[in-house]
């Protein structure tokens, strides 16, 4: 984004969007918002589900979402558009870190 917007919205579609699914927003995120993101040309969409401890990664292809990968638990995450880096998925689940003794 060349300049930080001085408004409550952005006029430029992002390359990537990540939705954290919850019971109250799951249907809206997976259906309504996903359709809007596709319409606006967002290239990559991730759904993070803290309850299931999963990540689903999609890529926009010919105006349709194509599933790239579904990851779970502590699997390594290295997916577009961030495939130059890798991190274990369980770093997103704070209780997993605490249970492993890695948190203070």
N, C-alpha and C. Protein backbone atom coordinates (compact mmCIF):
# COMPACT_ATOMS: atom_id res chain seq x y z
N UNK A 1 0.85 -1.16 0.00
CA UNK A 1 0.00 0.00 0.00
C UNK A 1 0.91 1.23 0.00
N UNK A 2 0.85 2.04 -1.03
CA UNK A 2 1.76 3.17 -1.13
C UNK A 2 1.59 4.23 -0.04
N UNK A 3 0.36 4.50 0.36
CA UNK A 3 0.08 5.49 1.40
C UNK A 3 -0.94 4.91 2.37
N UNK A 4 -0.79 5.24 3.65
CA UNK A 4 -1.75 4.79 4.65
C UNK A 4 -3.04 5.56 4.45
N UNK A 5 -4.18 4.84 4.33
CA UNK A 5 -5.45 5.54 4.05
C UNK A 5 -5.92 6.38 5.24
N UNK A 6 -6.54 7.49 4.91
CA UNK A 6 -7.12 8.37 5.93
C UNK A 6 -8.64 8.18 5.91
N UNK A 7 -9.05 6.90 5.99
CA UNK A 7 -10.48 6.56 5.95
C UNK A 7 -10.68 5.25 6.69
N UNK A 8 -11.93 4.90 6.90
CA UNK A 8 -12.26 3.67 7.62
C UNK A 8 -12.27 2.45 6.70
N UNK A 9 -11.81 2.61 5.47
CA UNK A 9 -11.81 1.52 4.51
C UNK A 9 -10.61 1.69 3.58
N UNK A 10 -10.31 0.65 2.81
CA UNK A 10 -9.23 0.69 1.82
C UNK A 10 -9.85 0.57 0.44
N UNK A 11 -9.32 1.32 -0.50
CA UNK A 11 -9.80 1.24 -1.88
C UNK A 11 -8.99 0.25 -2.70
N UNK A 12 -7.89 -0.28 -2.13
CA UNK A 12 -7.04 -1.24 -2.81
C UNK A 12 -7.23 -2.60 -2.15
N UNK A 13 -7.49 -3.62 -2.96
CA UNK A 13 -7.66 -4.98 -2.42
C UNK A 13 -6.31 -5.50 -1.94
N UNK A 14 -6.27 -6.15 -0.78
CA UNK A 14 -5.01 -6.73 -0.31
C UNK A 14 -4.66 -7.99 -1.11
N UNK A 15 -3.40 -8.39 -1.05
CA UNK A 15 -2.98 -9.64 -1.69
C UNK A 15 -3.43 -10.85 -0.89
N UNK A 16 -3.60 -10.67 0.43
CA UNK A 16 -3.89 -11.77 1.35
C UNK A 16 -4.86 -11.31 2.41
N UNK A 17 -5.78 -12.21 2.75
CA UNK A 17 -6.70 -11.97 3.85
C UNK A 17 -6.76 -13.23 4.69
N UNK A 18 -6.80 -13.04 6.01
CA UNK A 18 -6.91 -14.16 6.94
C UNK A 18 -8.10 -13.92 7.85
N UNK A 19 -8.99 -14.89 7.88
CA UNK A 19 -10.16 -14.82 8.76
C UNK A 19 -9.99 -15.84 9.88
N UNK A 20 -10.15 -15.40 11.12
CA UNK A 20 -10.15 -16.29 12.27
C UNK A 20 -11.60 -16.68 12.51
N UNK A 21 -11.90 -17.94 12.31
CA UNK A 21 -13.28 -18.42 12.39
C UNK A 21 -13.74 -18.53 13.83
N UNK A 22 -14.98 -18.14 14.06
CA UNK A 22 -15.61 -18.31 15.36
C UNK A 22 -17.02 -18.83 15.11
N UNK A 23 -17.66 -19.30 16.16
CA UNK A 23 -19.02 -19.82 16.02
C UNK A 23 -19.97 -18.76 15.46
N UNK A 24 -19.81 -17.53 15.88
CA UNK A 24 -20.75 -16.48 15.48
C UNK A 24 -20.48 -15.91 14.09
N UNK A 25 -19.26 -16.06 13.55
CA UNK A 25 -18.94 -15.46 12.25
C UNK A 25 -18.57 -16.47 11.17
N UNK A 26 -18.48 -17.74 11.51
CA UNK A 26 -18.01 -18.77 10.57
C UNK A 26 -18.74 -18.74 9.23
N UNK A 27 -20.05 -18.73 9.26
CA UNK A 27 -20.84 -18.76 8.01
C UNK A 27 -20.59 -17.50 7.18
N UNK A 28 -20.56 -16.36 7.82
CA UNK A 28 -20.31 -15.09 7.12
C UNK A 28 -18.92 -15.09 6.50
N UNK A 29 -17.91 -15.51 7.28
CA UNK A 29 -16.53 -15.52 6.79
C UNK A 29 -16.35 -16.46 5.60
N UNK A 30 -16.86 -17.68 5.72
CA UNK A 30 -16.62 -18.71 4.70
C UNK A 30 -17.44 -18.51 3.43
N UNK A 31 -18.56 -17.82 3.52
CA UNK A 31 -19.43 -17.67 2.36
C UNK A 31 -19.51 -16.23 1.87
N UNK A 32 -20.09 -15.36 2.69
CA UNK A 32 -20.30 -13.99 2.24
C UNK A 32 -18.98 -13.24 2.02
N UNK A 33 -18.11 -13.26 3.02
CA UNK A 33 -16.84 -12.53 2.88
C UNK A 33 -15.96 -13.14 1.81
N UNK A 34 -15.90 -14.47 1.74
CA UNK A 34 -15.07 -15.12 0.72
C UNK A 34 -15.51 -14.71 -0.68
N UNK A 35 -16.82 -14.60 -0.90
CA UNK A 35 -17.33 -14.17 -2.21
C UNK A 35 -16.93 -12.72 -2.50
N UNK A 36 -16.98 -11.88 -1.50
CA UNK A 36 -16.56 -10.48 -1.67
C UNK A 36 -15.07 -10.41 -1.99
N UNK A 37 -14.27 -11.16 -1.25
CA UNK A 37 -12.81 -11.16 -1.50
C UNK A 37 -12.51 -11.62 -2.93
N UNK A 38 -13.20 -12.64 -3.41
CA UNK A 38 -12.99 -13.11 -4.78
C UNK A 38 -13.39 -12.04 -5.78
N UNK A 39 -14.54 -11.43 -5.55
CA UNK A 39 -15.02 -10.38 -6.45
C UNK A 39 -14.03 -9.22 -6.55
N UNK A 40 -13.41 -8.89 -5.41
CA UNK A 40 -12.49 -7.76 -5.37
C UNK A 40 -11.06 -8.13 -5.77
N UNK A 41 -10.79 -9.40 -6.03
CA UNK A 41 -9.48 -9.80 -6.54
C UNK A 41 -8.42 -10.05 -5.49
N UNK A 42 -8.81 -10.37 -4.27
CA UNK A 42 -7.82 -10.76 -3.24
C UNK A 42 -7.21 -12.08 -3.71
N UNK A 43 -5.90 -12.18 -3.75
CA UNK A 43 -5.23 -13.35 -4.32
C UNK A 43 -5.22 -14.57 -3.42
N UNK A 44 -5.10 -14.35 -2.11
CA UNK A 44 -4.96 -15.46 -1.16
C UNK A 44 -5.88 -15.25 0.03
N UNK A 45 -6.49 -16.35 0.48
CA UNK A 45 -7.40 -16.32 1.61
C UNK A 45 -7.09 -17.49 2.53
N UNK A 46 -6.88 -17.18 3.80
CA UNK A 46 -6.65 -18.22 4.81
C UNK A 46 -7.80 -18.19 5.80
N UNK A 47 -8.22 -19.37 6.23
CA UNK A 47 -9.17 -19.53 7.32
C UNK A 47 -8.44 -20.23 8.46
N UNK A 48 -8.36 -19.56 9.59
CA UNK A 48 -7.76 -20.15 10.79
C UNK A 48 -8.90 -20.51 11.73
N UNK A 49 -8.93 -21.77 12.15
CA UNK A 49 -9.98 -22.24 13.05
C UNK A 49 -9.35 -22.64 14.38
N UNK A 50 -9.43 -21.78 15.40
CA UNK A 50 -8.81 -22.08 16.68
C UNK A 50 -9.42 -23.28 17.38
N UNK A 51 -10.71 -23.55 17.17
CA UNK A 51 -11.34 -24.70 17.81
C UNK A 51 -10.83 -26.02 17.22
N UNK A 52 -10.74 -26.09 15.91
CA UNK A 52 -10.27 -27.31 15.24
C UNK A 52 -8.74 -27.33 15.12
N UNK A 53 -8.10 -26.20 15.42
CA UNK A 53 -6.64 -26.04 15.28
C UNK A 53 -6.19 -26.37 13.86
N UNK A 54 -6.87 -25.71 12.91
CA UNK A 54 -6.57 -25.92 11.49
C UNK A 54 -6.38 -24.59 10.77
N UNK A 55 -5.72 -24.69 9.63
CA UNK A 55 -5.56 -23.57 8.72
C UNK A 55 -5.88 -24.09 7.33
N UNK A 56 -6.79 -23.42 6.63
CA UNK A 56 -7.08 -23.73 5.24
C UNK A 56 -6.59 -22.56 4.41
N UNK A 57 -5.79 -22.86 3.38
CA UNK A 57 -5.24 -21.82 2.52
C UNK A 57 -5.82 -21.97 1.11
N UNK A 58 -6.30 -20.85 0.58
CA UNK A 58 -6.90 -20.82 -0.75
C UNK A 58 -6.18 -19.80 -1.62
N UNK A 59 -6.22 -20.05 -2.93
CA UNK A 59 -5.67 -19.11 -3.91
C UNK A 59 -6.75 -18.84 -4.94
N UNK A 60 -6.89 -17.58 -5.34
CA UNK A 60 -7.90 -17.20 -6.33
C UNK A 60 -7.40 -17.60 -7.72
N UNK A 61 -8.23 -18.38 -8.41
CA UNK A 61 -7.88 -18.85 -9.75
C UNK A 61 -9.12 -18.73 -10.61
N UNK A 62 -9.08 -17.84 -11.59
CA UNK A 62 -10.21 -17.62 -12.49
C UNK A 62 -11.49 -17.30 -11.72
N UNK A 63 -11.35 -16.41 -10.73
CA UNK A 63 -12.46 -15.91 -9.92
C UNK A 63 -13.06 -16.96 -8.98
N UNK A 64 -12.33 -18.06 -8.76
CA UNK A 64 -12.80 -19.12 -7.85
C UNK A 64 -11.70 -19.45 -6.87
N UNK A 65 -12.10 -19.80 -5.65
CA UNK A 65 -11.13 -20.18 -4.63
C UNK A 65 -10.71 -21.63 -4.83
N UNK A 66 -9.41 -21.85 -4.92
CA UNK A 66 -8.84 -23.19 -5.04
C UNK A 66 -8.10 -23.51 -3.74
N UNK A 67 -8.44 -24.63 -3.13
CA UNK A 67 -7.79 -25.04 -1.89
C UNK A 67 -6.36 -25.45 -2.18
N UNK A 68 -5.41 -24.80 -1.49
CA UNK A 68 -3.99 -25.15 -1.62
C UNK A 68 -3.58 -26.19 -0.59
N UNK A 69 -4.07 -26.02 0.65
CA UNK A 69 -3.66 -26.93 1.71
C UNK A 69 -4.58 -26.77 2.91
N UNK A 70 -4.71 -27.85 3.66
CA UNK A 70 -5.34 -27.82 4.97
C UNK A 70 -4.31 -28.36 5.95
N UNK A 71 -3.95 -27.54 6.92
CA UNK A 71 -2.95 -27.91 7.91
C UNK A 71 -3.60 -28.03 9.28
N UNK A 72 -3.02 -28.86 10.15
CA UNK A 72 -3.58 -29.06 11.48
C UNK A 72 -2.46 -29.18 12.51
N UNK A 73 -2.87 -28.91 13.75
CA UNK A 73 -2.02 -29.10 14.92
C UNK A 73 -0.71 -28.33 14.81
N UNK A 74 0.43 -29.02 14.74
CA UNK A 74 1.73 -28.34 14.72
C UNK A 74 2.43 -28.45 13.37
N UNK A 75 1.67 -28.73 12.30
CA UNK A 75 2.28 -28.84 10.97
C UNK A 75 2.97 -27.53 10.59
N UNK A 76 4.06 -27.62 9.81
CA UNK A 76 4.73 -26.40 9.38
C UNK A 76 3.90 -25.63 8.35
N UNK A 77 3.84 -24.33 8.54
CA UNK A 77 3.12 -23.45 7.62
C UNK A 77 4.14 -22.75 6.74
N UNK A 78 4.04 -22.99 5.46
CA UNK A 78 4.86 -22.32 4.45
C UNK A 78 4.02 -22.27 3.18
N UNK A 79 3.11 -21.31 3.15
CA UNK A 79 2.11 -21.23 2.09
C UNK A 79 2.07 -19.85 1.47
N UNK A 80 1.74 -19.79 0.17
CA UNK A 80 1.61 -18.49 -0.47
C UNK A 80 0.58 -17.62 0.25
N UNK A 81 0.82 -16.36 0.36
CA UNK A 81 1.92 -15.61 -0.23
C UNK A 81 3.14 -15.51 0.68
N UNK A 82 3.19 -16.32 1.74
CA UNK A 82 4.30 -16.27 2.69
C UNK A 82 5.14 -17.54 2.64
N UNK A 83 5.28 -18.15 1.48
CA UNK A 83 5.98 -19.41 1.37
C UNK A 83 7.50 -19.29 1.49
N UNK A 84 8.01 -18.08 1.63
CA UNK A 84 9.45 -17.88 1.84
C UNK A 84 9.83 -18.13 3.29
N UNK A 85 8.83 -18.22 4.17
CA UNK A 85 9.10 -18.46 5.58
C UNK A 85 8.32 -19.71 6.03
N UNK A 86 8.62 -20.19 7.22
CA UNK A 86 7.92 -21.33 7.79
C UNK A 86 7.78 -21.14 9.29
N UNK A 87 6.64 -21.57 9.82
CA UNK A 87 6.43 -21.56 11.27
C UNK A 87 5.49 -22.71 11.61
N UNK A 88 5.61 -23.26 12.82
CA UNK A 88 4.69 -24.33 13.21
C UNK A 88 3.31 -23.75 13.51
N UNK A 89 2.29 -24.40 12.99
CA UNK A 89 0.92 -23.91 13.14
C UNK A 89 0.53 -23.74 14.60
N UNK A 90 1.05 -24.59 15.48
CA UNK A 90 0.62 -24.51 16.88
C UNK A 90 1.10 -23.25 17.61
N UNK A 91 1.91 -22.43 16.96
CA UNK A 91 2.25 -21.14 17.57
C UNK A 91 1.05 -20.21 17.61
N UNK A 92 0.01 -20.55 16.84
CA UNK A 92 -1.22 -19.75 16.84
C UNK A 92 -2.16 -20.12 17.98
N UNK A 93 -1.89 -21.24 18.65
CA UNK A 93 -2.76 -21.70 19.72
C UNK A 93 -2.07 -21.47 21.05
N UNK A 94 -2.34 -20.37 21.73
CA UNK A 94 -1.64 -20.02 22.98
C UNK A 94 -1.67 -21.13 24.03
N UNK A 95 -2.77 -21.86 24.15
CA UNK A 95 -2.83 -22.91 25.16
C UNK A 95 -1.86 -24.04 24.85
N UNK A 96 -1.57 -24.26 23.56
CA UNK A 96 -0.60 -25.30 23.19
C UNK A 96 0.79 -24.91 23.64
N UNK A 97 1.12 -23.63 23.49
CA UNK A 97 2.43 -23.15 23.91
C UNK A 97 2.55 -23.27 25.42
N UNK A 98 1.52 -22.86 26.15
CA UNK A 98 1.55 -22.94 27.59
C UNK A 98 1.65 -24.39 28.06
N UNK A 99 0.95 -25.30 27.40
CA UNK A 99 0.98 -26.71 27.80
C UNK A 99 2.36 -27.32 27.58
N UNK A 100 3.08 -26.80 26.58
CA UNK A 100 4.42 -27.32 26.30
C UNK A 100 5.49 -26.67 27.16
N UNK A 101 5.09 -25.73 27.99
CA UNK A 101 6.05 -25.07 28.88
C UNK A 101 6.87 -23.99 28.21
N UNK A 102 6.44 -23.54 27.02
CA UNK A 102 7.20 -22.52 26.31
C UNK A 102 6.78 -21.11 26.65
N UNK A 103 5.72 -20.95 27.42
CA UNK A 103 5.26 -19.62 27.79
C UNK A 103 5.55 -19.37 29.26
N UNK A 104 5.73 -18.11 29.57
CA UNK A 104 6.02 -17.74 30.97
C UNK A 104 4.77 -17.73 31.80
